[in-house]
Amino acid sequence: PENYAPLRCMAHGKLGQWQSAIRAARNGGLRRGRYDGAPWLSPNYLLAMIGARKITETLRLLGKPKAVEPAFYDWFRGVAFHHAGSIDQAQQAFERYFYAWPGDMLGLAEVNELEKGT
């Protein structure tokens, strides 16, 4: 059923099955990164898109930063820009994210891991 699409997307993503996660989300009614009635983009879908290396499409969905949007948008911008090789833009996005969520130690650890691979 359609109402299990977010769970299927998340489950496939946890297994690293990025294309299956994307397909589950789209088959479940996700359009332009959002499920019907959802005000924000789906974090699990964004993660799957980045995992599938659909970086340009991910950044297009996220758009430019806006004053009223969830902080996780900047997190995903940072990850996507990093994978695209735009390190300066990634750092700017991560700075905005950590300004909004300064206590996110798991996020900080992940950024440190990304930077080690650069």
PDB file of N, CA and C in Angstrom:
ATOM      1  N   PRO A   1       0.813  -1.204   0.000  1.00  0.00           N
ATOM      2  CA  PRO A   1       0.000   0.000   0.000  1.00  0.00           C
ATOM      3  C   PRO A   1       0.854   1.265   0.000  1.00  0.00           C
ATOM      4  N   GLU A   2       0.259   2.302  -0.484  1.00  0.00           N
ATOM      5  CA  GLU A   2       0.949   3.581  -0.625  1.00  0.00           C
ATOM      6  C   GLU A   2       1.468   4.117   0.705  1.00  0.00           C
ATOM      7  N   ASN A   3       0.763   3.891   1.795  1.00  0.00           N
ATOM      8  CA  ASN A   3       1.162   4.464   3.077  1.00  0.00           C
ATOM      9  C   ASN A   3       2.439   3.837   3.641  1.00  0.00           C
ATOM     10  N   TYR A   4       2.924   2.746   3.054  1.00  0.00           N
ATOM     11  CA  TYR A   4       4.174   2.139   3.497  1.00  0.00           C
ATOM     12  C   TYR A   4       5.374   2.612   2.680  1.00  0.00           C
ATOM     13  N   ALA A   5       5.154   3.453   1.705  1.00  0.00           N
ATOM     14  CA  ALA A   5       6.237   3.903   0.830  1.00  0.00           C
ATOM     15  C   ALA A   5       7.388   4.551   1.594  1.00  0.00           C
ATOM     16  N   PRO A   6       7.131   5.450   2.547  1.00  0.00           N
ATOM     17  CA  PRO A   6       8.265   6.038   3.272  1.00  0.00           C
ATOM     18  C   PRO A   6       9.082   4.985   4.026  1.00  0.00           C
ATOM     19  N   LEU A   7       8.407   3.989   4.587  1.00  0.00           N
ATOM     20  CA  LEU A   7       9.102   2.922   5.305  1.00  0.00           C
ATOM     21  C   LEU A   7       9.919   2.061   4.342  1.00  0.00           C
ATOM     22  N   ARG A   8       9.346   1.744   3.191  1.00  0.00           N
ATOM     23  CA  ARG A   8      10.078   0.963   2.185  1.00  0.00           C
ATOM     24  C   ARG A   8      11.299   1.729   1.694  1.00  0.00           C
ATOM     25  N   CYS A   9      11.122   3.011   1.453  1.00  0.00           N
ATOM     26  CA  CYS A   9      12.243   3.851   1.013  1.00  0.00           C
ATOM     27  C   CYS A   9      13.351   3.821   2.062  1.00  0.00           C
ATOM     28  N   MET A  10      12.982   3.978   3.324  1.00  0.00           N
ATOM     29  CA  MET A  10      13.966   3.976   4.397  1.00  0.00           C
ATOM     30  C   MET A  10      14.655   2.612   4.501  1.00  0.00           C
ATOM     31  N   ALA A  11      13.890   1.529   4.427  1.00  0.00           N
ATOM     32  CA  ALA A  11      14.457   0.186   4.561  1.00  0.00           C
ATOM     33  C   ALA A  11      15.456  -0.103   3.447  1.00  0.00           C
ATOM     34  N   HIS A  12      15.084   0.191   2.210  1.00  0.00           N
ATOM     35  CA  HIS A  12      16.016  -0.025   1.097  1.00  0.00           C
ATOM     36  C   HIS A  12      17.259   0.848   1.258  1.00  0.00           C
ATOM     37  N   GLY A  13      17.064   2.065   1.717  1.00  0.00           N
ATOM     38  CA  GLY A  13      18.201   2.957   1.933  1.00  0.00           C
ATOM     39  C   GLY A  13      19.151   2.423   2.988  1.00  0.00           C
ATOM     40  N   LYS A  14      18.613   1.893   4.087  1.00  0.00           N
ATOM     41  CA  LYS A  14      19.458   1.330   5.152  1.00  0.00           C
ATOM     42  C   LYS A  14      20.286   0.159   4.636  1.00  0.00           C
ATOM     43  N   LEU A  15      19.767  -0.524   3.616  1.00  0.00           N
ATOM     44  CA  LEU A  15      20.494  -1.643   3.016  1.00  0.00           C
ATOM     45  C   LEU A  15      21.421  -1.191   1.888  1.00  0.00           C
ATOM     46  N   GLY A  16      21.447   0.107   1.618  1.00  0.00           N
ATOM     47  CA  GLY A  16      22.286   0.621   0.532  1.00  0.00           C
ATOM     48  C   GLY A  16      21.717   0.348  -0.846  1.00  0.00           C
ATOM     49  N   GLN A  17      20.455   0.001  -0.910  1.00  0.00           N
ATOM     50  CA  GLN A  17      19.778  -0.280  -2.178  1.00  0.00           C
ATOM     51  C   GLN A  17      19.124   1.006  -2.674  1.00  0.00           C
ATOM     52  N   TRP A  18      19.958   1.899  -3.170  1.00  0.00           N
ATOM     53  CA  TRP A  18      19.518   3.264  -3.471  1.00  0.00           C
ATOM     54  C   TRP A  18      18.460   3.320  -4.561  1.00  0.00           C
ATOM     55  N   GLN A  19      18.653   2.581  -5.648  1.00  0.00           N
ATOM     56  CA  GLN A  19      17.666   2.620  -6.738  1.00  0.00           C
ATOM     57  C   GLN A  19      16.327   2.048  -6.278  1.00  0.00           C
ATOM     58  N   SER A  20      16.374   0.992  -5.474  1.00  0.00           N
ATOM     59  CA  SER A  20      15.129   0.416  -4.942  1.00  0.00           C
ATOM     60  C   SER A  20      14.437   1.397  -4.004  1.00  0.00           C
ATOM     61  N   ALA A  21      15.211   2.132  -3.227  1.00  0.00           N
ATOM     62  CA  ALA A  21      14.638   3.140  -2.326  1.00  0.00           C
ATOM     63  C   ALA A  21      13.947   4.237  -3.125  1.00  0.00           C
ATOM     64  N   ILE A  22      14.594   4.688  -4.179  1.00  0.00           N
ATOM     65  CA  ILE A  22      14.015   5.733  -5.037  1.00  0.00           C
ATOM     66  C   ILE A  22      12.734   5.222  -5.688  1.00  0.00           C
ATOM     67  N   ARG A  23      12.791   4.011  -6.213  1.00  0.00           N
ATOM     68  CA  ARG A  23      11.623   3.420  -6.864  1.00  0.00           C
ATOM     69  C   ARG A  23      10.463   3.254  -5.875  1.00  0.00           C
ATOM     70  N   ALA A  24      10.761   2.789  -4.659  1.00  0.00           N
ATOM     71  CA  ALA A  24       9.706   2.617  -3.645  1.00  0.00           C
ATOM     72  C   ALA A  24       9.030   3.948  -3.336  1.00  0.00           C
ATOM     73  N   ALA A  25       9.832   4.996  -3.200  1.00  0.00           N
ATOM     74  CA  ALA A  25       9.268   6.318  -2.903  1.00  0.00           C
ATOM     75  C   ALA A  25       8.387   6.806  -4.048  1.00  0.00           C
ATOM     76  N   ARG A  26       8.892   6.690  -5.255  1.00  0.00           N
ATOM     77  CA  ARG A  26       8.125   7.176  -6.414  1.00  0.00           C
ATOM     78  C   ARG A  26       6.867   6.352  -6.631  1.00  0.00           C
ATOM     79  N   ASN A  27       6.973   5.031  -6.457  1.00  0.00           N
ATOM     80  CA  ASN A  27       5.788   4.177  -6.596  1.00  0.00           C
ATOM     81  C   ASN A  27       4.769   4.461  -5.505  1.00  0.00           C
ATOM     82  N   GLY A  28       5.231   5.000  -4.392  1.00  0.00           N
ATOM     83  CA  GLY A  28       4.349   5.314  -3.268  1.00  0.00           C
ATOM     84  C   GLY A  28       3.754   6.702  -3.314  1.00  0.00           C
ATOM     85  N   GLY A  29       3.918   7.385  -4.422  1.00  0.00           N
ATOM     86  CA  GLY A  29       3.269   8.678  -4.573  1.00  0.00           C
ATOM     87  C   GLY A  29       4.160   9.889  -4.365  1.00  0.00           C
ATOM     88  N   LEU A  30       5.447   9.680  -4.150  1.00  0.00           N
ATOM     89  CA  LEU A  30       6.352  10.814  -3.974  1.00  0.00           C
ATOM     90  C   LEU A  30       6.460  11.581  -5.295  1.00  0.00           C
ATOM     91  N   ARG A  31       6.308  12.889  -5.219  1.00  0.00           N
ATOM     92  CA  ARG A  31       6.422  13.753  -6.397  1.00  0.00           C
ATOM     93  C   ARG A  31       7.276  14.947  -6.022  1.00  0.00           C
ATOM     94  N   ARG A  32       8.242  15.243  -6.860  1.00  0.00           N
ATOM     95  CA  ARG A  32       9.153  16.375  -6.628  1.00  0.00           C
ATOM     96  C   ARG A  32       9.740  16.332  -5.206  1.00  0.00           C
ATOM     97  N   GLY A  33      10.044  15.108  -4.749  1.00  0.00           N
ATOM     98  CA  GLY A  33      10.704  14.943  -3.467  1.00  0.00           C
ATOM     99  C   GLY A  33       9.796  14.920  -2.251  1.00  0.00           C
ATOM    100  N   ARG A  34       8.485  15.066  -2.469  1.00  0.00           N
ATOM    101  CA  ARG A  34       7.543  15.125  -1.335  1.00  0.00           C
ATOM    102  C   ARG A  34       6.444  14.081  -1.499  1.00  0.00           C
ATOM    103  N   TYR A  35       6.037  13.540  -0.369  1.00  0.00           N
ATOM    104  CA  TYR A  35       4.844  12.696  -0.370  1.00  0.00           C
ATOM    105  C   TYR A  35       3.628  13.613  -0.336  1.00  0.00           C
ATOM    106  N   ASP A  36       2.518  13.114  -0.818  1.00  0.00           N
ATOM    107  CA  ASP A  36       1.294  13.903  -0.891  1.00  0.00           C
ATOM    108  C   ASP A  36       0.958  14.504   0.474  1.00  0.00           C
ATOM    109  N   GLY A  37       0.810  15.804   0.507  1.00  0.00           N
ATOM    110  CA  GLY A  37       0.449  16.512   1.727  1.00  0.00           C
ATOM    111  C   GLY A  37       1.614  16.872   2.632  1.00  0.00           C
ATOM    112  N   ALA A  38       2.807  16.394   2.317  1.00  0.00           N
ATOM    113  CA  ALA A  38       3.975  16.690   3.161  1.00  0.00           C
ATOM    114  C   ALA A  38       4.507  18.091   2.849  1.00  0.00           C
ATOM    115  N   PRO A  39       4.811  18.873   3.875  1.00  0.00           N
ATOM    116  CA  PRO A  39       5.316  20.226   3.629  1.00  0.00           C
ATOM    117  C   PRO A  39       6.787  20.258   3.220  1.00  0.00           C
ATOM    118  N   TRP A  40       7.539  19.195   3.556  1.00  0.00           N
ATOM    119  CA  TRP A  40       8.981  19.201   3.311  1.00  0.00           C
ATOM    120  C   TRP A  40       9.398  18.016   2.454  1.00  0.00           C
ATOM    121  N   LEU A  41      10.569  18.123   1.887  1.00  0.00           N
ATOM    122  CA  LEU A  41      11.150  17.019   1.137  1.00  0.00           C
ATOM    123  C   LEU A  41      11.389  15.837   2.079  1.00  0.00           C
ATOM    124  N   SER A  42      11.366  14.647   1.524  1.00  0.00           N
ATOM    125  CA  SER A  42      11.591  13.435   2.306  1.00  0.00           C
ATOM    126  C   SER A  42      13.090  13.238   2.550  1.00  0.00           C
ATOM    127  N   PRO A  43      13.530  13.231   3.813  1.00  0.00           N
ATOM    128  CA  PRO A  43      14.955  13.008   4.095  1.00  0.00           C
ATOM    129  C   PRO A  43      15.462  11.665   3.575  1.00  0.00           C
ATOM    130  N   ASN A  44      14.653  10.614   3.688  1.00  0.00           N
ATOM    131  CA  ASN A  44      15.092   9.305   3.199  1.00  0.00           C
ATOM    132  C   ASN A  44      15.240   9.291   1.687  1.00  0.00           C
ATOM    133  N   TYR A  45      14.375  10.006   1.004  1.00  0.00           N
ATOM    134  CA  TYR A  45      14.488  10.107  -0.448  1.00  0.00           C
ATOM    135  C   TYR A  45      15.742  10.886  -0.827  1.00  0.00           C
ATOM    136  N   LEU A  46      16.009  11.983  -0.135  1.00  0.00           N
ATOM    137  CA  LEU A  46      17.222  12.757  -0.417  1.00  0.00           C
ATOM    138  C   LEU A  46      18.465  11.905  -0.197  1.00  0.00           C
ATOM    139  N   LEU A  47      18.481  11.133   0.878  1.00  0.00           N
ATOM    140  CA  LEU A  47      19.608  10.250   1.156  1.00  0.00           C
ATOM    141  C   LEU A  47      19.780   9.220   0.040  1.00  0.00           C
ATOM    142  N   ALA A  48      18.675   8.654  -0.424  1.00  0.00           N
ATOM    143  CA  ALA A  48      18.734   7.678  -1.515  1.00  0.00           C
ATOM    144  C   ALA A  48      19.246   8.324  -2.801  1.00  0.00           C
ATOM    145  N   MET A  49      18.799   9.526  -3.074  1.00  0.00           N
ATOM    146  CA  MET A  49      19.261  10.224  -4.277  1.00  0.00           C
ATOM    147  C   MET A  49      20.771  10.468  -4.218  1.00  0.00           C
ATOM    148  N   ILE A  50      21.263  10.880  -3.062  1.00  0.00           N
ATOM    149  CA  ILE A  50      22.701  11.105  -2.908  1.00  0.00           C
ATOM    150  C   ILE A  50      23.442   9.776  -3.005  1.00  0.00           C
ATOM    151  N   GLY A  51      22.908   8.735  -2.368  1.00  0.00           N
ATOM    152  CA  GLY A  51      23.536   7.417  -2.438  1.00  0.00           C
ATOM    153  C   GLY A  51      23.610   6.889  -3.856  1.00  0.00           C
ATOM    154  N   ALA A  52      22.607   7.211  -4.670  1.00  0.00           N
ATOM    155  CA  ALA A  52      22.577   6.797  -6.073  1.00  0.00           C
ATOM    156  C   ALA A  52      23.379   7.746  -6.962  1.00  0.00           C
ATOM    157  N   ARG A  53      24.021   8.717  -6.351  1.00  0.00           N
ATOM    158  CA  ARG A  53      24.860   9.709  -7.044  1.00  0.00           C
ATOM    159  C   ARG A  53      24.066  10.584  -8.011  1.00  0.00           C
ATOM    160  N   LYS A  54      22.815  10.850  -7.660  1.00  0.00           N
ATOM    161  CA  LYS A  54      21.982  11.772  -8.439  1.00  0.00           C
ATOM    162  C   LYS A  54      22.098  13.150  -7.787  1.00  0.00           C
ATOM    163  N   ILE A  55      23.306  13.674  -7.828  1.00  0.00           N
ATOM    164  CA  ILE A  55      23.652  14.882  -7.085  1.00  0.00           C
ATOM    165  C   ILE A  55      22.979  16.119  -7.670  1.00  0.00           C
ATOM    166  N   THR A  56      23.035  16.265  -8.972  1.00  0.00           N
ATOM    167  CA  THR A  56      22.437  17.441  -9.610  1.00  0.00           C
ATOM    168  C   THR A  56      20.941  17.497  -9.333  1.00  0.00           C
ATOM    169  N   GLU A  57      20.276  16.358  -9.458  1.00  0.00           N
ATOM    170  CA  GLU A  57      18.831  16.321  -9.205  1.00  0.00           C
ATOM    171  C   GLU A  57      18.528  16.607  -7.730  1.00  0.00           C
ATOM    172  N   THR A  58      19.371  16.095  -6.833  1.00  0.00           N
ATOM    173  CA  THR A  58      19.190  16.354  -5.401  1.00  0.00           C
ATOM    174  C   THR A  58      19.297  17.843  -5.112  1.00  0.00           C
ATOM    175  N   LEU A  59      20.326  18.478  -5.653  1.00  0.00           N
ATOM    176  CA  LEU A  59      20.511  19.916  -5.429  1.00  0.00           C
ATOM    177  C   LEU A  59      19.380  20.722  -6.058  1.00  0.00           C
ATOM    178  N   ARG A  60      18.865  20.263  -7.167  1.00  0.00           N
ATOM    179  CA  ARG A  60      17.731  20.949  -7.803  1.00  0.00           C
ATOM    180  C   ARG A  60      16.496  20.870  -6.901  1.00  0.00           C
ATOM    181  N   LEU A  61      16.254  19.708  -6.304  1.00  0.00           N
ATOM    182  CA  LEU A  61      15.119  19.567  -5.382  1.00  0.00           C
ATOM    183  C   LEU A  61      15.268  20.489  -4.178  1.00  0.00           C
ATOM    184  N   LEU A  62      16.477  20.547  -3.626  1.00  0.00           N
ATOM    185  CA  LEU A  62      16.723  21.366  -2.434  1.00  0.00           C
ATOM    186  C   LEU A  62      16.656  22.858  -2.727  1.00  0.00           C
ATOM    187  N   GLY A  63      17.056  23.253  -3.919  1.00  0.00           N
ATOM    188  CA  GLY A  63      17.051  24.668  -4.285  1.00  0.00           C
ATOM    189  C   GLY A  63      18.010  25.475  -3.433  1.00  0.00           C
ATOM    190  N   LYS A  64      17.880  26.777  -3.540  1.00  0.00           N
ATOM    191  CA  LYS A  64      18.719  27.678  -2.741  1.00  0.00           C
ATOM    192  C   LYS A  64      18.157  27.780  -1.326  1.00  0.00           C
ATOM    193  N   PRO A  65      19.024  28.050  -0.356  1.00  0.00           N
ATOM    194  CA  PRO A  65      18.543  28.180   1.029  1.00  0.00           C
ATOM    195  C   PRO A  65      17.482  29.272   1.166  1.00  0.00           C
ATOM    196  N   LYS A  66      16.479  28.970   1.975  1.00  0.00           N
ATOM    197  CA  LYS A  66      15.407  29.931   2.265  1.00  0.00           C
ATOM    198  C   LYS A  66      15.346  30.147   3.771  1.00  0.00           C
ATOM    199  N   ALA A  67      14.799  31.266   4.170  1.00  0.00           N
ATOM    200  CA  ALA A  67      14.711  31.592   5.600  1.00  0.00           C
ATOM    201  C   ALA A  67      13.855  30.582   6.359  1.00  0.00           C
ATOM    202  N   VAL A  68      12.800  30.098   5.718  1.00  0.00           N
ATOM    203  CA  VAL A  68      11.887  29.174   6.391  1.00  0.00           C
ATOM    204  C   VAL A  68      11.962  27.815   5.693  1.00  0.00           C
ATOM    205  N   GLU A  69      12.851  26.989   6.202  1.00  0.00           N
ATOM    206  CA  GLU A  69      12.970  25.617   5.729  1.00  0.00           C
ATOM    207  C   GLU A  69      13.630  24.810   6.847  1.00  0.00           C
ATOM    208  N   PRO A  70      13.449  23.501   6.838  1.00  0.00           N
ATOM    209  CA  PRO A  70      14.075  22.701   7.891  1.00  0.00           C
ATOM    210  C   PRO A  70      15.601  22.735   7.770  1.00  0.00           C
ATOM    211  N   ALA A  71      16.274  22.663   8.898  1.00  0.00           N
ATOM    212  CA  ALA A  71      17.742  22.703   8.906  1.00  0.00           C
ATOM    213  C   ALA A  71      18.341  21.531   8.138  1.00  0.00           C
ATOM    214  N   PHE A  72      17.627  20.412   8.080  1.00  0.00           N
ATOM    215  CA  PHE A  72      18.206  19.259   7.395  1.00  0.00           C
ATOM    216  C   PHE A  72      18.418  19.504   5.904  1.00  0.00           C
ATOM    217  N   TYR A  73      17.742  20.489   5.329  1.00  0.00           N
ATOM    218  CA  TYR A  73      18.004  20.823   3.933  1.00  0.00           C
ATOM    219  C   TYR A  73      19.470  21.217   3.758  1.00  0.00           C
ATOM    220  N   ASP A  74      19.994  22.041   4.671  1.00  0.00           N
ATOM    221  CA  ASP A  74      21.399  22.429   4.564  1.00  0.00           C
ATOM    222  C   ASP A  74      22.326  21.242   4.796  1.00  0.00           C
ATOM    223  N   TRP A  75      21.929  20.330   5.644  1.00  0.00           N
ATOM    224  CA  TRP A  75      22.736  19.125   5.833  1.00  0.00           C
ATOM    225  C   TRP A  75      22.874  18.387   4.497  1.00  0.00           C
ATOM    226  N   PHE A  76      21.741  18.150   3.835  1.00  0.00           N
ATOM    227  CA  PHE A  76      21.778  17.427   2.567  1.00  0.00           C
ATOM    228  C   PHE A  76      22.467  18.234   1.472  1.00  0.00           C
ATOM    229  N   ARG A  77      22.314  19.550   1.490  1.00  0.00           N
ATOM    230  CA  ARG A  77      23.070  20.371   0.539  1.00  0.00           C
ATOM    231  C   ARG A  77      24.571  20.150   0.740  1.00  0.00           C
ATOM    232  N   GLY A  78      24.995  20.170   2.003  1.00  0.00           N
ATOM    233  CA  GLY A  78      26.408  19.976   2.305  1.00  0.00           C
ATOM    234  C   GLY A  78      26.922  18.644   1.792  1.00  0.00           C
ATOM    235  N   VAL A  79      26.182  17.579   2.048  1.00  0.00           N
ATOM    236  CA  VAL A  79      26.596  16.251   1.589  1.00  0.00           C
ATOM    237  C   VAL A  79      26.624  16.203   0.062  1.00  0.00           C
ATOM    238  N   ALA A  80      25.582  16.730  -0.572  1.00  0.00           N
ATOM    239  CA  ALA A  80      25.521  16.711  -2.037  1.00  0.00           C
ATOM    240  C   ALA A  80      26.645  17.537  -2.648  1.00  0.00           C
ATOM    241  N   PHE A  81      26.860  18.740  -2.139  1.00  0.00           N
ATOM    242  CA  PHE A  81      27.957  19.558  -2.666  1.00  0.00           C
ATOM    243  C   PHE A  81      29.299  18.861  -2.467  1.00  0.00           C
ATOM    244  N   HIS A  82      29.467  18.203  -1.330  1.00  0.00           N
ATOM    245  CA  HIS A  82      30.722  17.496  -1.076  1.00  0.00           C
ATOM    246  C   HIS A  82      30.936  16.409  -2.127  1.00  0.00           C
ATOM    247  N   HIS A  83      29.895  15.624  -2.396  1.00  0.00           N
ATOM    248  CA  HIS A  83      30.008  14.565  -3.404  1.00  0.00           C
ATOM    249  C   HIS A  83      30.217  15.133  -4.804  1.00  0.00           C
ATOM    250  N   ALA A  84      29.748  16.344  -5.026  1.00  0.00           N
ATOM    251  CA  ALA A  84      29.947  16.996  -6.326  1.00  0.00           C
ATOM    252  C   ALA A  84      31.337  17.609  -6.442  1.00  0.00           C
ATOM    253  N   GLY A  85      32.076  17.631  -5.336  1.00  0.00           N
ATOM    254  CA  GLY A  85      33.412  18.219  -5.352  1.00  0.00           C
ATOM    255  C   GLY A  85      33.426  19.705  -5.078  1.00  0.00           C
ATOM    256  N   SER A  86      32.290  20.276  -4.712  1.00  0.00           N
ATOM    257  CA  SER A  86      32.190  21.709  -4.402  1.00  0.00           C
ATOM    258  C   SER A  86      32.386  21.895  -2.898  1.00  0.00           C
ATOM    259  N   ILE A  87      33.627  21.774  -2.469  1.00  0.00           N
ATOM    260  CA  ILE A  87      33.942  21.754  -1.042  1.00  0.00           C
ATOM    261  C   ILE A  87      33.572  23.068  -0.356  1.00  0.00           C
ATOM    262  N   ASP A  88      33.832  24.206  -1.002  1.00  0.00           N
ATOM    263  CA  ASP A  88      33.483  25.497  -0.393  1.00  0.00           C
ATOM    264  C   ASP A  88      31.981  25.609  -0.155  1.00  0.00           C
ATOM    265  N   GLN A  89      31.190  25.211  -1.148  1.00  0.00           N
ATOM    266  CA  GLN A  89      29.733  25.269  -0.989  1.00  0.00           C
ATOM    267  C   GLN A  89      29.265  24.274   0.071  1.00  0.00           C
ATOM    268  N   ALA A  90      29.917  23.121   0.139  1.00  0.00           N
ATOM    269  CA  ALA A  90      29.578  22.137   1.168  1.00  0.00           C
ATOM    270  C   ALA A  90      29.844  22.717   2.550  1.00  0.00           C
ATOM    271  N   GLN A  91      30.987  23.347   2.721  1.00  0.00           N
ATOM    272  CA  GLN A  91      31.324  23.930   4.020  1.00  0.00           C
ATOM    273  C   GLN A  91      30.330  25.015   4.418  1.00  0.00           C
ATOM    274  N   GLN A  92      29.914  25.839   3.460  1.00  0.00           N
ATOM    275  CA  GLN A  92      28.937  26.888   3.758  1.00  0.00           C
ATOM    276  C   GLN A  92      27.614  26.275   4.219  1.00  0.00           C
ATOM    277  N   ALA A  93      27.182  25.219   3.529  1.00  0.00           N
ATOM    278  CA  ALA A  93      25.925  24.560   3.900  1.00  0.00           C
ATOM    279  C   ALA A  93      26.041  23.925   5.285  1.00  0.00           C
ATOM    280  N   PHE A  94      27.160  23.264   5.549  1.00  0.00           N
ATOM    281  CA  PHE A  94      27.349  22.651   6.869  1.00  0.00           C
ATOM    282  C   PHE A  94      27.415  23.711   7.961  1.00  0.00           C
ATOM    283  N   GLU A  95      28.024  24.844   7.684  1.00  0.00           N
ATOM    284  CA  GLU A  95      28.071  25.933   8.678  1.00  0.00           C
ATOM    285  C   GLU A  95      26.670  26.411   9.033  1.00  0.00           C
ATOM    286  N   ARG A  96      25.814  26.572   8.017  1.00  0.00           N
ATOM    287  CA  ARG A  96      24.432  26.987   8.286  1.00  0.00           C
ATOM    288  C   ARG A  96      23.711  25.925   9.118  1.00  0.00           C
ATOM    289  N   TYR A  97      23.940  24.663   8.763  1.00  0.00           N
ATOM    290  CA  TYR A  97      23.293  23.576   9.502  1.00  0.00           C
ATOM    291  C   TYR A  97      23.729  23.574  10.963  1.00  0.00           C
ATOM    292  N   PHE A  98      25.033  23.648  11.215  1.00  0.00           N
ATOM    293  CA  PHE A  98      25.523  23.580  12.593  1.00  0.00           C
ATOM    294  C   PHE A  98      25.215  24.850  13.378  1.00  0.00           C
ATOM    295  N   TYR A  99      24.975  25.940  12.690  1.00  0.00           N
ATOM    296  CA  TYR A  99      24.502  27.144  13.377  1.00  0.00           C
ATOM    297  C   TYR A  99      23.105  26.881  13.947  1.00  0.00           C
ATOM    298  N   ALA A 100      22.279  26.189  13.155  1.00  0.00           N
ATOM    299  CA  ALA A 100      20.913  25.867  13.596  1.00  0.00           C
ATOM    300  C   ALA A 100      20.894  24.713  14.607  1.00  0.00           C
ATOM    301  N   TRP A 101      21.815  23.761  14.472  1.00  0.00           N
ATOM    302  CA  TRP A 101      21.869  22.572  15.334  1.00  0.00           C
ATOM    303  C   TRP A 101      23.288  22.377  15.862  1.00  0.00           C
ATOM    304  N   PRO A 102      23.750  23.253  16.746  1.00  0.00           N
ATOM    305  CA  PRO A 102      25.144  23.198  17.200  1.00  0.00           C
ATOM    306  C   PRO A 102      25.503  21.946  17.998  1.00  0.00           C
ATOM    307  N   GLY A 103      24.553  21.254  18.545  1.00  0.00           N
ATOM    308  CA  GLY A 103      24.853  20.088  19.371  1.00  0.00           C
ATOM    309  C   GLY A 103      24.815  18.763  18.639  1.00  0.00           C
ATOM    310  N   ASP A 104      24.726  18.776  17.320  1.00  0.00           N
ATOM    311  CA  ASP A 104      24.618  17.532  16.556  1.00  0.00           C
ATOM    312  C   ASP A 104      25.989  16.868  16.429  1.00  0.00           C
ATOM    313  N   MET A 105      26.332  16.068  17.413  1.00  0.00           N
ATOM    314  CA  MET A 105      27.641  15.415  17.433  1.00  0.00           C
ATOM    315  C   MET A 105      27.757  14.336  16.362  1.00  0.00           C
ATOM    316  N   LEU A 106      26.666  13.633  16.077  1.00  0.00           N
ATOM    317  CA  LEU A 106      26.711  12.628  15.018  1.00  0.00           C
ATOM    318  C   LEU A 106      26.932  13.291  13.664  1.00  0.00           C
ATOM    319  N   GLY A 107      26.276  14.421  13.454  1.00  0.00           N
ATOM    320  CA  GLY A 107      26.474  15.164  12.213  1.00  0.00           C
ATOM    321  C   GLY A 107      27.900  15.652  12.076  1.00  0.00           C
ATOM    322  N   LEU A 108      28.461  16.144  13.165  1.00  0.00           N
ATOM    323  CA  LEU A 108      29.843  16.613  13.151  1.00  0.00           C
ATOM    324  C   LEU A 108      30.800  15.468  12.838  1.00  0.00           C
ATOM    325  N   ALA A 109      30.550  14.305  13.417  1.00  0.00           N
ATOM    326  CA  ALA A 109      31.391  13.136  13.141  1.00  0.00           C
ATOM    327  C   ALA A 109      31.311  12.750  11.667  1.00  0.00           C
ATOM    328  N   GLU A 110      30.117  12.817  11.100  1.00  0.00           N
ATOM    329  CA  GLU A 110      29.952  12.479   9.685  1.00  0.00           C
ATOM    330  C   GLU A 110      30.689  13.471   8.787  1.00  0.00           C
ATOM    331  N   VAL A 111      30.601  14.747   9.108  1.00  0.00           N
ATOM    332  CA  VAL A 111      31.320  15.760   8.326  1.00  0.00           C
ATOM    333  C   VAL A 111      32.822  15.504   8.410  1.00  0.00           C
ATOM    334  N   ASN A 112      33.305  15.167   9.592  1.00  0.00           N
ATOM    335  CA  ASN A 112      34.731  14.861   9.737  1.00  0.00           C
ATOM    336  C   ASN A 112      35.133  13.677   8.869  1.00  0.00           C
ATOM    337  N   GLU A 113      34.282  12.665   8.778  1.00  0.00           N
ATOM    338  CA  GLU A 113      34.562  11.511   7.918  1.00  0.00           C
ATOM    339  C   GLU A 113      34.564  11.913   6.448  1.00  0.00           C
ATOM    340  N   LEU A 114      33.610  12.745   6.047  1.00  0.00           N
ATOM    341  CA  LEU A 114      33.582  13.225   4.662  1.00  0.00           C
ATOM    342  C   LEU A 114      34.862  13.976   4.335  1.00  0.00           C
ATOM    343  N   GLU A 115      35.285  14.837   5.257  1.00  0.00           N
ATOM    344  CA  GLU A 115      36.475  15.651   5.018  1.00  0.00           C
ATOM    345  C   GLU A 115      37.740  14.806   4.962  1.00  0.00           C
ATOM    346  N   LYS A 116      37.790  13.705   5.686  1.00  0.00           N
ATOM    347  CA  LYS A 116      38.951  12.808   5.620  1.00  0.00           C
ATOM    348  C   LYS A 116      39.100  12.207   4.232  1.00  0.00           C
ATOM    349  N   GLY A 117      37.960  11.947   3.595  1.00  0.00           N
ATOM    350  CA  GLY A 117      37.972  11.346   2.266  1.00  0.00           C
ATOM    351  C   GLY A 117      38.245  12.328   1.148  1.00  0.00           C
ATOM    352  N   THR A 118      38.355  13.605   1.477  1.00  0.00           N
ATOM    353  CA  THR A 118      38.550  14.630   0.451  1.00  0.00           C
ATOM    354  C   THR A 118      39.984  14.669   0.006  1.00  0.00           C
TER     355      THR A 118
END
